[in-house]
């Protein structure tokens, strides 16, 4: 009975009548605390971490995100559809709810898109009920984006890991968005490489996986790579959070459950099942159950 109720709820939310705006449930980002006005802006945060090494900077970034220092527009998740077939030819139709831009620290008026190492990114994702995308999800998000921003690589060198470079690249993205008249809250893609989930993280332990930064033809500048260690961070990386709660063929389920299932994983990953997901981002089953009960109770 609960599954039927949840399916009805999601059908109304994710695929509303043609005259209604398509939205994802606000409950999916409710674990992220409200932002207090006394928290530092993007510029103030940037100055605070300017001299920190990447590990220390990551620690401060995690603390800021988990106390709610995130722009409000990132909490309004956007739906992205994905389609595939089971091994025996049955259709798989998925709807993901994703942050409209890469994870940032600060207010709506002043924020900084903040790259992080794998440990920091997965800690945030697990605490808030999110996961990182697979390369196939990254492609789907790019093609679904309201605006596809062009990649803007900066000169390579040791400084590319610095906060100054992160700030400089973010300013370039902001200028491009202003030039195009892009308001915050639209689904944006193409302007960062994604930290992703991949089976290569298990075959190459101690490495993180990155993918994306698509050109205008949709081809990524960065093919799937595990060249860097798990603590590596540079200005080009972005953290796109995807709600673990998703819709598959009209039923509410989780990314964890779909990626663990050999019959279903193809809708989210070209690598087949991703058995290592729970090791990198533990599944918050109690949180998922509470969310489902909240959603069912809202009918």
Protein backbone atom coordinates (compact mmCIF):
# COMPACT_ATOMS: atom_id res chain seq x y z
CA UNK A 1 0.00 0.00 0.00
CA UNK A 2 2.80 2.41 0.93
CA UNK A 3 4.57 1.79 -2.39
CA UNK A 4 1.39 2.60 -4.27
CA UNK A 5 0.92 5.82 -2.32
CA UNK A 6 4.53 6.83 -2.92
CA UNK A 7 4.25 6.10 -6.62
CA UNK A 8 1.17 8.34 -6.84
CA UNK A 9 2.97 11.10 -4.95
CA UNK A 10 6.00 10.96 -7.20
CA UNK A 11 3.87 10.85 -10.32
CA UNK A 12 2.26 14.11 -9.22
CA UNK A 13 5.56 15.72 -8.19
CA UNK A 14 7.91 14.62 -10.94
CA UNK A 15 5.45 14.56 -13.84
CA UNK A 16 2.82 17.18 -13.00
CA UNK A 17 0.21 18.51 -15.44
CA UNK A 18 1.67 20.36 -18.42
CA UNK A 19 0.75 23.75 -16.98
CA UNK A 20 2.60 23.12 -13.68
CA UNK A 21 6.31 23.58 -13.05
CA UNK A 22 8.29 20.35 -12.72
CA UNK A 23 9.91 20.10 -9.29
CA UNK A 24 11.46 17.54 -6.95
CA UNK A 25 10.14 17.16 -3.38
CA UNK A 26 11.63 19.67 -0.92
CA UNK A 27 11.91 16.81 1.58
CA UNK A 28 14.81 15.36 -0.44
CA UNK A 29 17.10 18.19 0.68
CA UNK A 30 15.57 18.69 4.13
CA UNK A 31 18.55 17.11 5.93
CA UNK A 32 20.57 20.18 4.95
CA UNK A 33 20.10 22.70 7.79
CA UNK A 34 18.69 26.15 7.08
CA UNK A 35 21.38 28.73 6.47
CA UNK A 36 21.88 31.22 9.30
CA UNK A 37 22.53 34.81 8.23
CA UNK A 38 25.62 35.00 10.44
CA UNK A 39 27.48 32.33 8.45
CA UNK A 40 30.33 33.52 6.20
CA UNK A 41 29.68 34.52 2.61
CA UNK A 42 31.56 32.90 -0.24
CA UNK A 43 34.15 35.68 -0.23
CA UNK A 44 34.60 35.50 3.56
CA UNK A 45 34.92 31.71 3.43
CA UNK A 46 37.48 31.97 0.63
CA UNK A 47 39.58 34.35 2.71
CA UNK A 48 39.27 32.06 5.74
CA UNK A 49 40.68 29.02 3.92
CA UNK A 50 43.10 30.85 1.60
CA UNK A 51 46.24 29.69 3.42
CA UNK A 52 45.05 26.18 4.36
CA UNK A 53 46.35 22.98 2.86
CA UNK A 54 43.83 20.86 0.99
CA UNK A 55 43.10 18.49 3.92
CA UNK A 56 42.50 21.33 6.35
CA UNK A 57 40.49 23.22 3.72
CA UNK A 58 38.32 20.16 3.15
CA UNK A 59 37.65 19.87 6.89
CA UNK A 60 36.46 23.48 7.06
CA UNK A 61 34.37 23.01 3.90
CA UNK A 62 32.61 19.96 5.35
CA UNK A 63 31.84 21.83 8.56
CA UNK A 64 30.37 24.78 6.67
CA UNK A 65 28.15 22.60 4.47
CA UNK A 66 26.87 20.46 7.34
CA UNK A 67 25.86 23.53 9.32
CA UNK A 68 23.86 24.78 6.36
CA UNK A 69 26.18 27.34 4.77
CA UNK A 70 24.86 26.54 1.28
CA UNK A 71 22.89 28.80 -1.09
CA UNK A 72 19.15 28.24 -0.96
CA UNK A 73 18.85 27.62 -4.70
CA UNK A 74 20.95 24.45 -4.40
CA UNK A 75 18.27 22.97 -2.13
CA UNK A 76 15.69 23.09 -4.94
CA UNK A 77 16.58 19.85 -6.69
CA UNK A 78 15.90 19.34 -10.38
CA UNK A 79 14.57 16.15 -12.06
CA UNK A 80 16.67 14.34 -14.66
CA UNK A 81 15.27 11.40 -16.61
CA UNK A 82 17.30 8.36 -17.65
CA UNK A 83 16.27 5.37 -19.74
CA UNK A 84 17.67 1.89 -20.43
CA UNK A 85 16.62 -1.78 -20.66
CA UNK A 86 17.05 -4.82 -18.45
CA UNK A 87 19.12 -7.74 -19.83
CA UNK A 88 15.85 -9.36 -20.98
CA UNK A 89 14.69 -6.22 -22.78
CA UNK A 90 12.30 -4.64 -20.30
CA UNK A 91 12.31 -0.82 -20.20
CA UNK A 92 13.80 1.05 -17.27
CA UNK A 93 12.66 4.63 -16.76
CA UNK A 94 14.38 6.51 -13.96
CA UNK A 95 13.98 9.99 -12.51
CA UNK A 96 16.83 11.42 -10.45
CA UNK A 97 16.68 14.60 -8.36
CA UNK A 98 19.94 16.53 -8.57
CA UNK A 99 21.37 19.80 -7.29
CA UNK A 100 21.05 22.38 -10.07
CA UNK A 101 24.72 23.37 -9.79
CA UNK A 102 27.88 22.16 -8.09
CA UNK A 103 28.06 22.26 -4.30
CA UNK A 104 28.88 25.78 -3.10
CA UNK A 105 29.49 27.55 0.19
CA UNK A 106 27.93 30.91 1.02
CA UNK A 107 24.70 32.79 0.38
CA UNK A 108 22.57 33.20 -2.73
CA UNK A 109 24.20 36.59 -3.29
CA UNK A 110 27.79 35.50 -2.61
CA UNK A 111 28.86 31.87 -2.96
CA UNK A 112 31.87 29.83 -4.01
CA UNK A 113 31.64 26.49 -5.84
CA UNK A 114 33.96 24.40 -3.71
CA UNK A 115 35.91 21.35 -4.94
CA UNK A 116 36.74 18.72 -2.31
CA UNK A 117 38.56 15.44 -1.99
CA UNK A 118 36.70 12.14 -2.06
CA UNK A 119 36.49 11.67 1.73
CA UNK A 120 34.98 15.12 2.25
CA UNK A 121 32.51 14.77 -0.62
CA UNK A 122 31.30 11.33 0.42
CA UNK A 123 30.97 12.36 4.07
CA UNK A 124 28.66 15.20 3.07
CA UNK A 125 26.70 12.99 0.69
CA UNK A 126 26.16 10.24 3.26
CA UNK A 127 25.10 12.64 6.03
CA UNK A 128 22.58 14.45 3.83
CA UNK A 129 21.08 11.49 1.93
CA UNK A 130 22.84 12.08 -1.37
CA UNK A 131 25.27 10.22 -3.61
CA UNK A 132 27.81 11.27 -6.23
CA UNK A 133 26.87 10.71 -9.88
CA UNK A 134 28.16 8.00 -12.18
CA UNK A 135 29.61 9.06 -15.56
CA UNK A 136 26.31 8.07 -17.19
CA UNK A 137 24.44 10.34 -14.77
CA UNK A 138 26.86 13.17 -15.59
CA UNK A 139 26.02 12.81 -19.29
CA UNK A 140 22.28 12.72 -18.54
CA UNK A 141 22.54 15.86 -16.39
CA UNK A 142 24.48 17.62 -19.15
CA UNK A 143 21.88 16.80 -21.80
CA UNK A 144 19.00 17.76 -19.45
CA UNK A 145 20.61 21.05 -18.40
CA UNK A 146 18.75 24.30 -18.93
CA UNK A 147 22.09 25.91 -19.76
CA UNK A 148 25.29 24.20 -20.88
CA UNK A 149 28.21 26.41 -19.92
CA UNK A 150 31.47 26.11 -21.82
CA UNK A 151 34.55 24.69 -20.07
CA UNK A 152 37.11 27.31 -19.09
CA UNK A 153 40.44 25.58 -18.38
CA UNK A 154 43.13 27.59 -16.62
CA UNK A 155 46.88 27.19 -16.98
CA UNK A 156 48.10 23.95 -15.42
CA UNK A 157 50.63 23.98 -12.59
CA UNK A 158 50.97 23.51 -8.82
CA UNK A 159 48.79 26.59 -8.19
CA UNK A 160 45.77 24.86 -9.74
CA UNK A 161 45.17 23.21 -6.34
CA UNK A 162 45.12 26.54 -4.49
CA UNK A 163 42.10 28.40 -3.13
CA UNK A 164 43.12 31.38 -5.26
CA UNK A 165 42.75 29.27 -8.42
CA UNK A 166 39.41 27.88 -7.22
CA UNK A 167 38.20 31.44 -6.63
CA UNK A 168 39.53 32.62 -10.01
CA UNK A 169 37.81 29.81 -11.90
CA UNK A 170 34.55 30.40 -10.07
CA UNK A 171 34.71 34.07 -11.04
CA UNK A 172 35.14 33.05 -14.69
CA UNK A 173 32.05 30.83 -14.45
CA UNK A 174 30.07 33.64 -12.82
CA UNK A 175 31.06 36.08 -15.57
CA UNK A 176 29.98 33.61 -18.25
CA UNK A 177 26.64 33.06 -16.50
CA UNK A 178 26.05 36.82 -16.23
CA UNK A 179 26.97 37.31 -19.88
CA UNK A 180 24.37 34.71 -20.83
CA UNK A 181 21.78 36.11 -18.43
CA UNK A 182 21.57 32.87 -16.46
CA UNK A 183 19.80 33.18 -13.07
CA UNK A 184 20.78 30.97 -10.14
CA UNK A 185 18.60 27.87 -9.80
CA UNK A 186 18.59 26.72 -13.41
CA UNK A 187 20.11 23.31 -14.06
CA UNK A 188 23.67 24.07 -15.20
CA UNK A 189 26.31 21.70 -16.57
CA UNK A 190 29.56 21.66 -18.50
CA UNK A 191 31.55 24.04 -16.31
CA UNK A 192 33.33 21.51 -14.06
CA UNK A 193 34.69 17.98 -14.05
CA UNK A 194 32.61 15.73 -11.79
CA UNK A 195 33.87 13.64 -8.92
CA UNK A 196 32.08 10.39 -9.82
CA UNK A 197 31.29 6.87 -8.66
CA UNK A 198 33.00 4.15 -10.66
CA UNK A 199 33.99 0.51 -10.33
CA UNK A 200 37.52 1.66 -11.10
CA UNK A 201 37.69 2.99 -7.55
CA UNK A 202 37.69 -0.65 -6.40
CA UNK A 203 40.16 -1.89 -9.01
CA UNK A 204 42.38 1.15 -8.34
CA UNK A 205 42.20 1.51 -4.54
CA UNK A 206 43.31 4.80 -3.09
CA UNK A 207 42.21 6.68 -6.22
CA UNK A 208 39.28 8.96 -6.93
CA UNK A 209 37.38 8.99 -10.22
CA UNK A 210 36.69 12.10 -12.29
CA UNK A 211 34.76 12.59 -15.51
CA UNK A 212 33.15 15.29 -17.61
CA UNK A 213 33.73 18.95 -18.52
CA UNK A 214 31.81 18.56 -21.76
CA UNK A 215 32.47 20.52 -24.92
CA UNK A 216 29.54 21.98 -26.90
CA UNK A 217 29.26 18.68 -28.81
CA UNK A 218 28.69 16.81 -25.52
CA UNK A 219 32.09 15.09 -25.58
CA UNK A 220 33.95 15.32 -22.26
CA UNK A 221 37.35 16.96 -22.07
CA UNK A 222 37.98 14.60 -19.14
CA UNK A 223 37.32 10.93 -19.90
CA UNK A 224 36.82 8.69 -16.88
CA UNK A 225 40.09 8.77 -14.97
CA UNK A 226 41.52 7.41 -11.73
CA UNK A 227 44.91 9.09 -12.16
CA UNK A 228 44.73 11.00 -8.86
CA UNK A 229 44.79 9.91 -5.23
CA UNK A 230 41.70 10.25 -3.06
CA UNK A 231 42.89 13.48 -1.45
CA UNK A 232 43.61 15.27 -4.73
CA UNK A 233 41.63 18.46 -5.42
CA UNK A 234 42.02 21.12 -8.09
CA UNK A 235 40.01 24.08 -9.36
CA UNK A 236 38.40 22.12 -12.22
CA UNK A 237 36.60 19.60 -9.98
CA UNK A 238 32.98 19.95 -8.85
CA UNK A 239 30.75 18.09 -6.41
CA UNK A 240 27.30 17.42 -7.91
CA UNK A 241 25.02 15.89 -5.28
CA UNK A 242 22.27 13.51 -6.41
CA UNK A 243 19.47 12.47 -4.05
CA UNK A 244 19.71 8.80 -3.09
CA UNK A 245 15.91 8.67 -3.33
CA UNK A 246 14.84 8.18 -6.93
CA UNK A 247 11.95 6.94 -9.03
CA UNK A 248 12.23 3.80 -11.17
CA UNK A 249 9.33 2.67 -13.33
CA UNK A 250 6.90 4.56 -11.12
CA UNK A 251 8.23 3.26 -7.81
CA UNK A 252 10.26 5.02 -5.16
CA UNK A 253 13.63 3.37 -4.59
CA UNK A 254 17.23 4.44 -4.00
CA UNK A 255 20.33 4.86 -6.13
CA UNK A 256 22.07 2.42 -3.78
CA UNK A 257 19.50 -0.27 -4.47
CA UNK A 258 19.46 0.26 -8.23
CA UNK A 259 23.25 0.27 -8.61
CA UNK A 260 23.52 -2.94 -6.56
CA UNK A 261 21.06 -4.79 -8.82
CA UNK A 262 22.51 -6.45 -11.98
CA UNK A 263 19.11 -6.21 -13.72
CA UNK A 264 18.62 -2.51 -13.01
CA UNK A 265 22.06 -0.90 -12.82
CA UNK A 266 22.25 -0.18 -16.56
CA UNK A 267 19.83 2.72 -16.19
CA UNK A 268 22.37 4.58 -14.01
CA UNK A 269 25.76 3.18 -15.04
CA UNK A 270 27.53 1.92 -18.16
CA UNK A 271 29.81 -0.15 -15.91
CA UNK A 272 27.06 -2.45 -14.68
CA UNK A 273 26.47 -2.84 -10.92
CA UNK A 274 28.62 -0.66 -8.65
CA UNK A 275 29.13 -2.95 -5.65
CA UNK A 276 31.53 -0.56 -3.93
CA UNK A 277 29.02 2.27 -3.57
CA UNK A 278 28.07 1.43 0.01
CA UNK A 279 31.75 1.37 1.02
CA UNK A 280 32.27 4.90 -0.25
CA UNK A 281 28.85 6.33 0.67
CA UNK A 282 27.05 4.27 3.33
CA UNK A 283 23.34 3.93 2.67
CA UNK A 284 21.27 5.79 5.27
CA UNK A 285 18.40 3.31 5.41
CA UNK A 286 16.75 4.80 8.49
CA UNK A 287 16.91 8.26 6.95
CA UNK A 288 15.47 6.88 3.70
CA UNK A 289 12.65 5.16 5.59
CA UNK A 290 11.82 8.34 7.52
CA UNK A 291 11.77 10.31 4.29
CA UNK A 292 9.47 7.82 2.64
CA UNK A 293 7.10 7.91 5.62
CA UNK A 294 7.13 11.72 5.54
CA UNK A 295 6.32 11.73 1.85
CA UNK A 296 3.54 9.15 2.28
CA UNK A 297 2.10 11.09 5.21
CA UNK A 298 1.89 14.25 3.12
CA UNK A 299 -0.89 12.80 0.94
